[in-house]
Amino acid sequence: MALVVLDAGLINVALPSLARSLGVAPAQIIMAVSCYQAALVVGLLPSAHVAERFGERRVFIAGLLLFTAASVGCAFAVNLPMLLIARVLQGLGGGAIMALGVALLRSALGTDRLGMAIGWNALTVAVCGAAAPFCGAAIVAIAPWPWLFMIKLPLAAVSLFAAMALPVDKHQASHIDLASLFLHACTCCAFMVAAQIGADHGWVAISIAALAIVSATMMFLRGRHAKQPVWPIDLLAVRPLRISVAASICCFTAQSAGLIALPFYLQLNLGSGPLGAGTILSLWPLTVAATSVVAGRLSERFGSPMVCVMGAIVLGSGLLLSTLHTSNMFAQMAAGAALCGLGFGLFQVPNNRTLFLTAPAYRSAAAGGLQGTARVVGQTVGAMLIGWLFTTASTPKAPILGFAIGSLFAFAAAAISSLALVERAEPKFRKLRNVMAQTIGGE
């Protein structure tokens, strides 16, 4: 997981250097990020589906090998098309790693220690997310850009060696639904293309979105009666898992909107330099890292729904604090970033724990694909919202509106998570009602 998270952070900070070296415009080099994201979305659920046929460990190692080989391909790319092809392959490999990582943790450790394992996983993601931009900036400052990809090869070798020690799992599915895999890829790609060109080519985007809806409908109809569908419709029928997925999408939307709006606000509105903005921005993942391990213990004591509600409210409060105007704005923004990280750390671990423990063990891979898809969908929606705000509102107002919209999504995540609290309380209310009815009847 560290390998995948470091890769995303390293390349993002080096995009200007990549554009200069390859002789392309900044708008073109951003395709190196969007192609990776698209491939990641396409690869998550199919990786889980294929793993149910061939085994989680085998597909996980295959994804790791593909990701590593594609990293070498990126390093040796001499033009933009070669880089984009390698980034697509990287995204497909990263999809397998993200979809199956926690499922393999469950196989290795069992359900009793899964909550703590998810906490350590979140800690890894947060620390690597905080370190990646600084590492990327340092590498570009002293070496050519291909070293952004080559520097990870020792970590990839260690990851491959460690993956060999993962437990061999029993696969259940009898066949791979190739038609559903094709429809899934068509649906995801069409929606992402429509979103990318929507602002400039309205009617074309609407037509492509309509095609995506048609393919999604066909996908849903195929999966209704399948035992282990590519889109895990069977898992979404389970109410606690459905609540976790919906809350996760809202929370990742809030996080993405806040993380994108924050550097713009610090540098454009407050006049901060890149170093100052980076320092305040790093408080977010660092507080996520500090909270993640504790969140698992809190969920065991107070219940996952309660901790999820608390975390989402704290995240929304941190984003809302960032919209206020005070005499010391830098201290306020630092406090807001720290609160956001604290809230997200409290939410993420117990929510993922509920999602994975609610799914049956033989569907752990599908649950992992669903969790990864919820994450990427939320991040994409948050990024699109901020992009839309910058095209419709003035530059100073756009980040503030982004914080406000992000807080609404965070509070929506709290409201959705509270539905699980109501569900847990229902049996107690029914028991109390029955006792009262018996008491009244006896009198």
Protein backbone atom coordinates (compact mmCIF):
# COMPACT_ATOMS: atom_id res chain seq x y z
CA MET A 1 0.00 0.00 0.00
CA ALA A 2 2.91 2.33 0.73
CA LEU A 3 4.16 1.69 -2.81
CA VAL A 4 0.88 2.86 -4.38
CA VAL A 5 0.39 5.88 -2.11
CA LEU A 6 3.97 7.10 -2.56
CA ASP A 7 3.64 6.84 -6.34
CA ALA A 8 0.59 9.12 -6.45
CA GLY A 9 2.19 11.77 -4.24
CA LEU A 10 5.56 11.69 -5.99
CA ILE A 11 4.22 12.30 -9.49
CA ASN A 12 1.67 14.97 -8.50
CA VAL A 13 4.32 17.33 -7.17
CA ALA A 14 6.54 16.78 -10.23
CA LEU A 15 3.97 17.45 -12.98
CA PRO A 16 5.54 20.80 -14.04
CA SER A 17 8.95 19.13 -14.43
CA LEU A 18 7.39 16.31 -16.45
CA ALA A 19 5.67 18.81 -18.75
CA ARG A 20 8.93 20.67 -19.42
CA SER A 21 10.96 17.50 -20.03
CA LEU A 22 8.43 15.97 -22.44
CA GLY A 23 7.69 19.28 -24.15
CA VAL A 24 3.94 19.30 -23.52
CA ALA A 25 1.49 21.81 -22.07
CA PRO A 26 0.43 21.60 -18.39
CA ALA A 27 -3.11 20.66 -19.41
CA GLN A 28 -1.72 17.67 -21.33
CA ILE A 29 0.55 16.39 -18.56
CA ILE A 30 -2.42 16.28 -16.17
CA MET A 31 -3.57 13.34 -18.31
CA ALA A 32 -0.82 11.33 -16.60
CA VAL A 33 -2.90 11.65 -13.42
CA SER A 34 -6.37 11.31 -14.96
CA CYS A 35 -5.39 8.19 -16.97
CA TYR A 36 -4.07 6.57 -13.81
CA GLN A 37 -7.27 7.43 -11.91
CA ALA A 38 -9.46 6.09 -14.72
CA ALA A 39 -7.52 2.82 -14.86
CA LEU A 40 -7.74 2.55 -11.09
CA VAL A 41 -11.54 2.90 -11.17
CA VAL A 42 -11.79 0.37 -13.99
CA GLY A 43 -9.48 -2.12 -12.26
CA LEU A 44 -10.85 -2.23 -8.70
CA LEU A 45 -14.00 -4.35 -8.98
CA PRO A 46 -12.73 -6.57 -11.84
CA SER A 47 -9.63 -7.38 -9.75
CA ALA A 48 -11.89 -8.54 -6.94
CA HIS A 49 -14.00 -10.57 -9.37
CA VAL A 50 -10.97 -12.28 -10.92
CA ALA A 51 -9.54 -12.94 -7.44
CA GLU A 52 -12.66 -14.93 -6.56
CA ARG A 53 -11.77 -17.24 -9.45
CA PHE A 54 -7.98 -17.50 -9.13
CA GLY A 55 -7.38 -16.53 -5.50
CA GLU A 56 -6.69 -13.21 -3.76
CA ARG A 57 -2.98 -13.82 -3.18
CA ARG A 58 -2.29 -14.76 -6.81
CA VAL A 59 -4.11 -11.74 -8.27
CA PHE A 60 -2.56 -9.42 -5.65
CA ILE A 61 0.96 -10.53 -6.63
CA ALA A 62 0.06 -10.21 -10.32
CA GLY A 63 -1.11 -6.64 -9.67
CA LEU A 64 2.10 -5.89 -7.79
CA LEU A 65 4.20 -7.24 -10.67
CA LEU A 66 2.20 -5.21 -13.21
CA PHE A 67 2.52 -2.05 -11.11
CA THR A 68 6.31 -2.53 -10.80
CA ALA A 69 6.83 -3.28 -14.50
CA ALA A 70 4.70 -0.27 -15.45
CA SER A 71 6.80 1.94 -13.13
CA VAL A 72 9.89 0.95 -15.11
CA GLY A 73 7.94 1.70 -18.30
CA CYS A 74 7.14 5.18 -16.97
CA ALA A 75 10.82 5.82 -16.22
CA PHE A 76 11.86 4.93 -19.78
CA ALA A 77 9.03 6.82 -21.51
CA VAL A 78 10.39 9.26 -24.10
CA ASN A 79 7.11 10.93 -24.99
CA LEU A 80 3.66 11.56 -23.55
CA PRO A 81 1.82 8.63 -25.24
CA MET A 82 4.35 6.13 -23.85
CA LEU A 83 3.98 7.64 -20.40
CA LEU A 84 0.19 7.51 -20.57
CA ILE A 85 0.17 3.83 -21.61
CA ALA A 86 2.48 2.98 -18.72
CA ARG A 87 0.32 4.99 -16.30
CA VAL A 88 -2.80 3.09 -17.41
CA LEU A 89 -1.01 -0.21 -16.69
CA GLN A 90 0.09 1.19 -13.34
CA GLY A 91 -3.51 2.05 -12.51
CA LEU A 92 -4.70 -1.47 -13.32
CA GLY A 93 -1.98 -2.94 -11.09
CA GLY A 94 -2.76 -0.43 -8.34
CA GLY A 95 -6.43 -1.40 -8.55
CA ALA A 96 -5.55 -5.00 -7.69
CA ILE A 97 -3.41 -3.88 -4.74
CA MET A 98 -6.08 -1.56 -3.34
CA ALA A 99 -8.94 -4.00 -3.86
CA LEU A 100 -7.26 -7.02 -2.28
CA GLY A 101 -4.97 -5.55 0.39
CA VAL A 102 -7.42 -5.52 3.29
CA ALA A 103 -9.03 -8.79 2.15
CA LEU A 104 -5.61 -10.43 2.51
CA LEU A 105 -5.20 -8.83 5.94
CA ARG A 106 -8.42 -10.55 6.94
CA SER A 107 -7.13 -13.88 5.63
CA ALA A 108 -3.80 -13.48 7.43
CA LEU A 109 -5.04 -12.18 10.79
CA GLY A 110 -8.68 -13.26 11.09
CA THR A 111 -11.63 -11.06 11.98
CA ASP A 112 -10.61 -10.47 15.62
CA ARG A 113 -7.55 -8.39 14.72
CA LEU A 114 -8.90 -6.87 11.52
CA GLY A 115 -9.85 -3.57 13.17
CA MET A 116 -6.30 -3.01 14.42
CA ALA A 117 -4.87 -4.09 11.06
CA ILE A 118 -7.06 -1.55 9.24
CA GLY A 119 -5.77 1.07 11.68
CA TRP A 120 -2.15 0.27 10.82
CA ASN A 121 -3.06 0.27 7.13
CA ALA A 122 -4.62 3.73 7.48
CA LEU A 123 -1.52 4.87 9.39
CA THR A 124 0.69 3.70 6.50
CA VAL A 125 -1.46 5.52 3.94
CA ALA A 126 -1.50 8.74 5.97
CA VAL A 127 2.26 8.80 6.67
CA CYS A 128 3.14 8.03 3.05
CA GLY A 129 0.60 10.61 1.86
CA ALA A 130 2.27 13.24 4.04
CA ALA A 131 5.82 12.29 3.05
CA ALA A 132 5.30 11.81 -0.70
CA PRO A 133 5.11 15.51 -1.77
CA PHE A 134 8.30 16.40 0.12
CA CYS A 135 10.11 13.31 -1.23
CA GLY A 136 8.95 14.09 -4.77
CA ALA A 137 10.13 17.69 -4.53
CA ALA A 138 13.52 16.55 -3.20
CA ILE A 139 13.99 13.97 -5.97
CA VAL A 140 13.13 16.44 -8.74
CA ALA A 141 15.50 18.99 -7.20
CA ILE A 142 18.55 16.71 -7.39
CA ALA A 143 17.78 14.15 -10.14
CA PRO A 144 15.95 13.76 -13.49
CA TRP A 145 12.23 12.96 -13.33
CA PRO A 146 12.58 9.22 -14.24
CA TRP A 147 13.99 8.70 -10.74
CA LEU A 148 10.50 9.40 -9.41
CA PHE A 149 9.62 5.92 -10.67
CA MET A 150 12.97 4.15 -10.30
CA ILE A 151 13.39 5.17 -6.66
CA LYS A 152 10.48 2.88 -5.70
CA LEU A 153 11.98 -0.32 -7.15
CA PRO A 154 13.68 -1.41 -3.89
CA LEU A 155 10.36 -0.99 -2.07
CA ALA A 156 8.65 -2.97 -4.84
CA ALA A 157 11.18 -5.80 -4.40
CA VAL A 158 10.53 -5.90 -0.66
CA SER A 159 6.77 -5.87 -1.29
CA LEU A 160 7.00 -8.80 -3.73
CA PHE A 161 9.15 -10.80 -1.30
CA ALA A 162 6.70 -10.13 1.55
CA ALA A 163 3.68 -10.97 -0.61
CA MET A 164 5.01 -14.51 -1.05
CA ALA A 165 4.37 -15.08 2.66
CA LEU A 166 0.67 -14.19 2.40
CA PRO A 167 -1.74 -17.08 3.02
CA VAL A 168 -3.02 -19.06 0.06
CA ASP A 169 -6.79 -18.59 -0.07
CA LYS A 170 -9.51 -20.83 -1.44
CA HIS A 171 -11.20 -19.39 -4.49
CA GLN A 172 -14.94 -19.85 -4.95
CA ALA A 173 -16.14 -18.53 -8.32
CA SER A 174 -16.35 -21.02 -11.18
CA HIS A 175 -15.99 -18.62 -14.11
CA ILE A 176 -15.14 -15.05 -15.08
CA ASP A 177 -17.97 -12.92 -16.49
CA LEU A 178 -16.16 -11.32 -19.45
CA ALA A 179 -19.28 -9.53 -20.70
CA SER A 180 -19.76 -7.84 -17.32
CA LEU A 181 -16.10 -6.84 -17.21
CA PHE A 182 -16.50 -5.18 -20.62
CA LEU A 183 -19.70 -3.38 -19.57
CA HIS A 184 -18.02 -2.22 -16.34
CA ALA A 185 -15.07 -0.75 -18.26
CA CYS A 186 -17.43 0.98 -20.72
CA THR A 187 -19.53 2.44 -17.89
CA CYS A 188 -16.58 3.80 -15.90
CA CYS A 189 -14.73 5.23 -18.90
CA ALA A 190 -17.86 6.85 -20.34
CA PHE A 191 -18.78 8.53 -17.05
CA MET A 192 -15.24 9.85 -16.56
CA VAL A 193 -14.99 11.17 -20.13
CA ALA A 194 -18.38 12.86 -19.79
CA ALA A 195 -17.26 14.50 -16.55
CA GLN A 196 -13.98 15.69 -18.10
CA ILE A 197 -15.54 17.33 -21.18
CA GLY A 198 -18.82 18.41 -19.60
CA ALA A 199 -17.83 22.06 -19.15
CA ASP A 200 -16.72 22.58 -22.77
CA HIS A 201 -18.84 20.10 -24.76
CA GLY A 202 -22.19 19.91 -23.05
CA TRP A 203 -24.27 17.91 -25.55
CA VAL A 204 -21.46 15.50 -26.35
CA ALA A 205 -20.95 14.90 -22.64
CA ILE A 206 -24.69 14.29 -22.16
CA SER A 207 -24.68 11.74 -25.02
CA ILE A 208 -21.69 9.90 -23.55
CA ALA A 209 -23.29 9.95 -20.08
CA ALA A 210 -26.47 8.47 -21.59
CA LEU A 211 -24.41 5.62 -23.06
CA ALA A 212 -22.85 5.09 -19.63
CA ILE A 213 -26.31 4.86 -18.06
CA VAL A 214 -27.35 2.27 -20.66
CA SER A 215 -24.28 0.11 -20.03
CA ALA A 216 -24.72 0.51 -16.26
CA THR A 217 -28.34 -0.66 -16.56
CA MET A 218 -27.24 -3.69 -18.55
CA MET A 219 -24.58 -4.35 -15.95
CA PHE A 220 -27.13 -4.20 -13.15
CA LEU A 221 -29.55 -6.54 -14.94
CA ARG A 222 -26.75 -9.09 -15.52
CA GLY A 223 -25.69 -8.96 -11.88
CA ARG A 224 -29.12 -9.35 -10.29
CA HIS A 225 -29.15 -13.15 -10.57
CA ALA A 226 -25.40 -13.85 -10.57
CA LYS A 227 -23.94 -15.63 -7.55
CA GLN A 228 -20.81 -13.46 -7.45
CA PRO A 229 -21.41 -10.47 -9.76
CA VAL A 230 -18.69 -8.03 -10.81
CA TRP A 231 -20.71 -5.23 -9.23
CA PRO A 232 -21.35 -6.67 -5.75
CA ILE A 233 -25.11 -6.06 -5.78
CA ASP A 234 -25.54 -8.93 -3.33
CA LEU A 235 -23.39 -7.15 -0.75
CA LEU A 236 -25.20 -3.84 -1.21
CA ALA A 237 -28.40 -5.62 -0.23
CA VAL A 238 -26.95 -5.86 3.31
CA ARG A 239 -28.06 -2.67 5.08
CA PRO A 240 -25.02 -2.02 7.37
CA LEU A 241 -22.65 -2.49 4.42
CA ARG A 242 -24.78 -0.24 2.21
CA ILE A 243 -24.69 2.45 4.92
CA SER A 244 -20.90 2.16 5.18
CA VAL A 245 -20.42 2.53 1.41
CA ALA A 246 -22.72 5.57 1.15
CA ALA A 247 -21.08 7.26 4.16
CA SER A 248 -17.62 6.49 2.73
CA ILE A 249 -18.42 8.18 -0.60
CA CYS A 250 -19.64 11.31 1.22
CA CYS A 251 -16.64 11.41 3.56
CA PHE A 252 -14.07 10.97 0.78
CA THR A 253 -15.87 13.68 -1.22
CA ALA A 254 -15.50 16.02 1.77
CA GLN A 255 -11.84 15.08 2.22
CA SER A 256 -11.00 15.53 -1.46
CA ALA A 257 -12.75 18.91 -1.66
CA GLY A 258 -10.92 20.14 1.44
CA LEU A 259 -7.47 18.88 0.42
CA ILE A 260 -7.75 20.49 -3.03
CA ALA A 261 -9.23 23.78 -1.81
CA LEU A 262 -6.75 24.23 1.06
CA PRO A 263 -3.51 24.89 -0.92
CA PHE A 264 -5.36 27.25 -3.28
CA TYR A 265 -6.75 29.22 -0.32
CA LEU A 266 -3.39 29.39 1.45
CA GLN A 267 -1.45 30.53 -1.61
CA LEU A 268 -3.99 32.66 -3.50
CA ASN A 269 -6.05 34.16 -0.66
CA LEU A 270 -3.48 34.35 2.13
CA GLY A 271 -0.32 34.78 0.05
CA SER A 272 1.51 31.84 1.58
CA GLY A 273 4.49 30.32 -0.20
CA PRO A 274 4.61 26.65 -1.26
CA LEU A 275 6.63 25.67 1.83
CA GLY A 276 4.21 27.32 4.26
CA ALA A 277 1.22 25.85 2.48
CA GLY A 278 2.84 22.42 2.44
CA THR A 279 3.53 22.61 6.17
CA ILE A 280 -0.09 23.38 7.04
CA LEU A 281 -1.33 20.84 4.50
CA SER A 282 0.84 18.10 6.05
CA LEU A 283 -1.02 18.51 9.38
CA TRP A 284 -4.02 16.81 7.78
CA PRO A 285 -2.42 13.40 6.98
CA LEU A 286 -0.27 13.52 10.12
CA THR A 287 -3.33 13.81 12.38
CA VAL A 288 -4.97 11.02 10.36
CA ALA A 289 -1.91 8.90 11.12
CA ALA A 290 -2.00 9.78 14.84
CA THR A 291 -5.70 8.94 15.09
CA SER A 292 -5.95 5.81 12.96
CA VAL A 293 -4.58 3.28 15.46
CA VAL A 294 -6.63 4.73 18.33
CA ALA A 295 -9.82 4.72 16.24
CA GLY A 296 -9.88 0.93 16.13
CA ARG A 297 -9.84 0.69 19.92
CA LEU A 298 -12.52 3.37 20.26
CA SER A 299 -14.79 1.50 17.86
CA GLU A 300 -14.38 -1.69 19.88
CA ARG A 301 -15.40 0.16 23.03
CA PHE A 302 -18.16 2.48 21.80
CA GLY A 303 -19.19 0.74 18.58
CA SER A 304 -18.18 1.60 15.01
CA PRO A 305 -21.32 3.66 14.16
CA MET A 306 -20.83 6.02 17.10
CA VAL A 307 -17.15 6.66 16.27
CA CYS A 308 -18.01 7.15 12.58
CA VAL A 309 -20.62 9.77 13.46
CA MET A 310 -18.18 11.57 15.77
CA GLY A 311 -15.41 11.50 13.13
CA ALA A 312 -17.60 12.83 10.33
CA ILE A 313 -18.86 15.66 12.57
CA VAL A 314 -15.29 16.62 13.51
CA LEU A 315 -14.28 16.57 9.82
CA GLY A 316 -17.23 18.79 8.91
CA SER A 317 -16.41 21.16 11.79
CA GLY A 318 -12.79 21.47 10.62
CA LEU A 319 -13.93 22.34 7.10
CA LEU A 320 -16.51 24.79 8.44
CA LEU A 321 -13.84 26.45 10.60
CA SER A 322 -11.82 27.09 7.45
CA THR A 323 -14.63 29.26 6.02
CA LEU A 324 -14.49 31.77 8.91
CA HIS A 325 -12.44 34.96 8.88
CA THR A 326 -10.34 35.72 11.98
CA SER A 327 -7.37 37.90 12.89
CA ASN A 328 -4.88 35.00 12.68
CA MET A 329 -5.84 33.09 9.56
CA PHE A 330 -2.76 30.87 9.38
CA ALA A 331 -3.32 29.52 12.89
CA GLN A 332 -6.99 29.03 12.07
CA MET A 333 -6.21 27.12 8.87
CA ALA A 334 -3.69 24.95 10.73
CA ALA A 335 -6.31 24.16 13.37
CA GLY A 336 -8.87 23.41 10.66
CA ALA A 337 -6.48 21.04 8.86
CA ALA A 338 -5.66 19.24 12.11
CA LEU A 339 -9.37 18.88 12.96
CA CYS A 340 -10.09 17.52 9.48
CA GLY A 341 -7.37 14.91 9.84
CA LEU A 342 -8.58 13.97 13.31
CA GLY A 343 -12.15 13.56 12.09
CA PHE A 344 -11.22 11.60 8.98
CA GLY A 345 -9.01 9.25 10.99
CA LEU A 346 -11.83 8.60 13.44
CA PHE A 347 -14.27 7.90 10.61
CA GLN A 348 -12.19 5.83 8.20
CA VAL A 349 -11.01 2.93 10.39
CA PRO A 350 -14.33 1.92 12.03
CA ASN A 351 -16.25 2.46 8.78
CA ASN A 352 -13.90 0.16 6.85
CA ARG A 353 -14.03 -2.34 9.72
CA THR A 354 -17.83 -2.44 9.47
CA LEU A 355 -17.69 -2.78 5.70
CA PHE A 356 -15.30 -5.75 5.75
CA LEU A 357 -16.75 -7.57 8.77
CA THR A 358 -20.31 -7.30 7.44
CA ALA A 359 -19.34 -9.07 4.21
CA PRO A 360 -18.93 -12.87 4.38
CA ALA A 361 -15.33 -14.09 4.34
CA TYR A 362 -15.59 -15.59 0.86
CA ARG A 363 -16.65 -12.16 -0.48
CA SER A 364 -13.78 -10.23 1.15
CA ALA A 365 -12.27 -9.43 -2.24
CA ALA A 366 -15.55 -7.97 -3.48
CA ALA A 367 -15.84 -5.92 -0.28
CA GLY A 368 -12.32 -4.60 -0.87
CA GLY A 369 -13.19 -3.62 -4.42
CA LEU A 370 -16.33 -1.90 -3.18
CA GLN A 371 -14.41 0.02 -0.52
CA GLY A 372 -11.76 1.12 -3.03
CA THR A 373 -14.43 2.17 -5.53
CA ALA A 374 -16.24 4.24 -2.88
CA ARG A 375 -12.92 5.92 -2.07
CA VAL A 376 -12.06 6.77 -5.69
CA VAL A 377 -15.62 7.87 -6.53
CA GLY A 378 -15.65 10.23 -3.55
CA GLN A 379 -12.23 11.65 -4.41
CA THR A 380 -13.27 12.16 -8.04
CA VAL A 381 -16.54 13.89 -7.09
CA GLY A 382 -14.70 16.19 -4.67
CA ALA A 383 -12.14 17.14 -7.33
CA MET A 384 -14.87 17.77 -9.90
CA LEU A 385 -16.78 20.01 -7.48
CA ILE A 386 -13.72 22.16 -6.82
CA GLY A 387 -12.99 22.37 -10.55
CA TRP A 388 -16.59 23.44 -11.19
CA LEU A 389 -16.38 26.10 -8.47
CA PHE A 390 -13.25 27.60 -10.04
CA THR A 391 -15.08 27.91 -13.37
CA THR A 392 -18.28 29.43 -11.95
CA ALA A 393 -17.11 31.54 -8.98
CA SER A 394 -14.34 34.08 -8.53
CA THR A 395 -10.91 32.72 -7.60
CA PRO A 396 -10.93 34.07 -4.00
CA LYS A 397 -14.41 32.69 -3.28
CA ALA A 398 -14.00 29.24 -4.88
CA PRO A 399 -11.86 27.66 -2.09
CA ILE A 400 -14.17 29.01 0.64
CA LEU A 401 -17.20 27.58 -1.16
CA GLY A 402 -15.25 24.33 -1.50
CA PHE A 403 -14.78 24.16 2.29
CA ALA A 404 -18.49 24.82 2.79
CA ILE A 405 -19.60 22.15 0.31
CA GLY A 406 -17.08 19.72 1.79
CA SER A 407 -18.52 20.30 5.27
CA LEU A 408 -22.02 19.52 3.95
CA PHE A 409 -20.79 16.18 2.61
CA ALA A 410 -19.07 15.43 5.93
CA PHE A 411 -22.25 16.13 7.87
CA ALA A 412 -24.14 13.99 5.35
CA ALA A 413 -21.71 11.16 6.14
CA ALA A 414 -22.49 11.64 9.85
CA ALA A 415 -26.23 11.50 9.16
CA ILE A 416 -25.87 8.35 7.06
CA SER A 417 -23.68 6.66 9.70
CA SER A 418 -26.26 7.53 12.36
CA LEU A 419 -28.72 5.23 10.55
CA ALA A 420 -26.61 2.32 11.80
CA LEU A 421 -27.03 3.64 15.36
CA VAL A 422 -30.80 3.60 14.91
CA GLU A 423 -30.61 0.05 13.56
CA ARG A 424 -28.59 -1.11 16.56
CA ALA A 425 -31.04 0.56 18.95
CA GLU A 426 -34.17 -0.94 17.35
CA PRO A 427 -33.93 -4.36 19.08
CA LYS A 428 -33.63 -2.63 22.47
CA PHE A 429 -36.64 -0.42 21.71
CA ARG A 430 -38.65 -3.48 20.62
CA LYS A 431 -37.72 -5.32 23.81
CA LEU A 432 -38.66 -2.30 25.95
CA ARG A 433 -41.95 -1.93 24.08
CA ASN A 434 -42.78 -5.61 24.64
CA VAL A 435 -42.00 -5.35 28.35
CA MET A 436 -44.17 -2.25 28.67
CA ALA A 437 -47.01 -3.96 26.76
CA GLN A 438 -46.82 -7.01 29.02
CA THR A 439 -46.75 -4.78 32.12
CA ILE A 440 -49.77 -2.78 30.97
CA GLY A 441 -51.59 -5.96 29.96
CA GLY A 442 -50.88 -7.54 33.35
CA GLU A 443 -52.26 -4.56 35.18
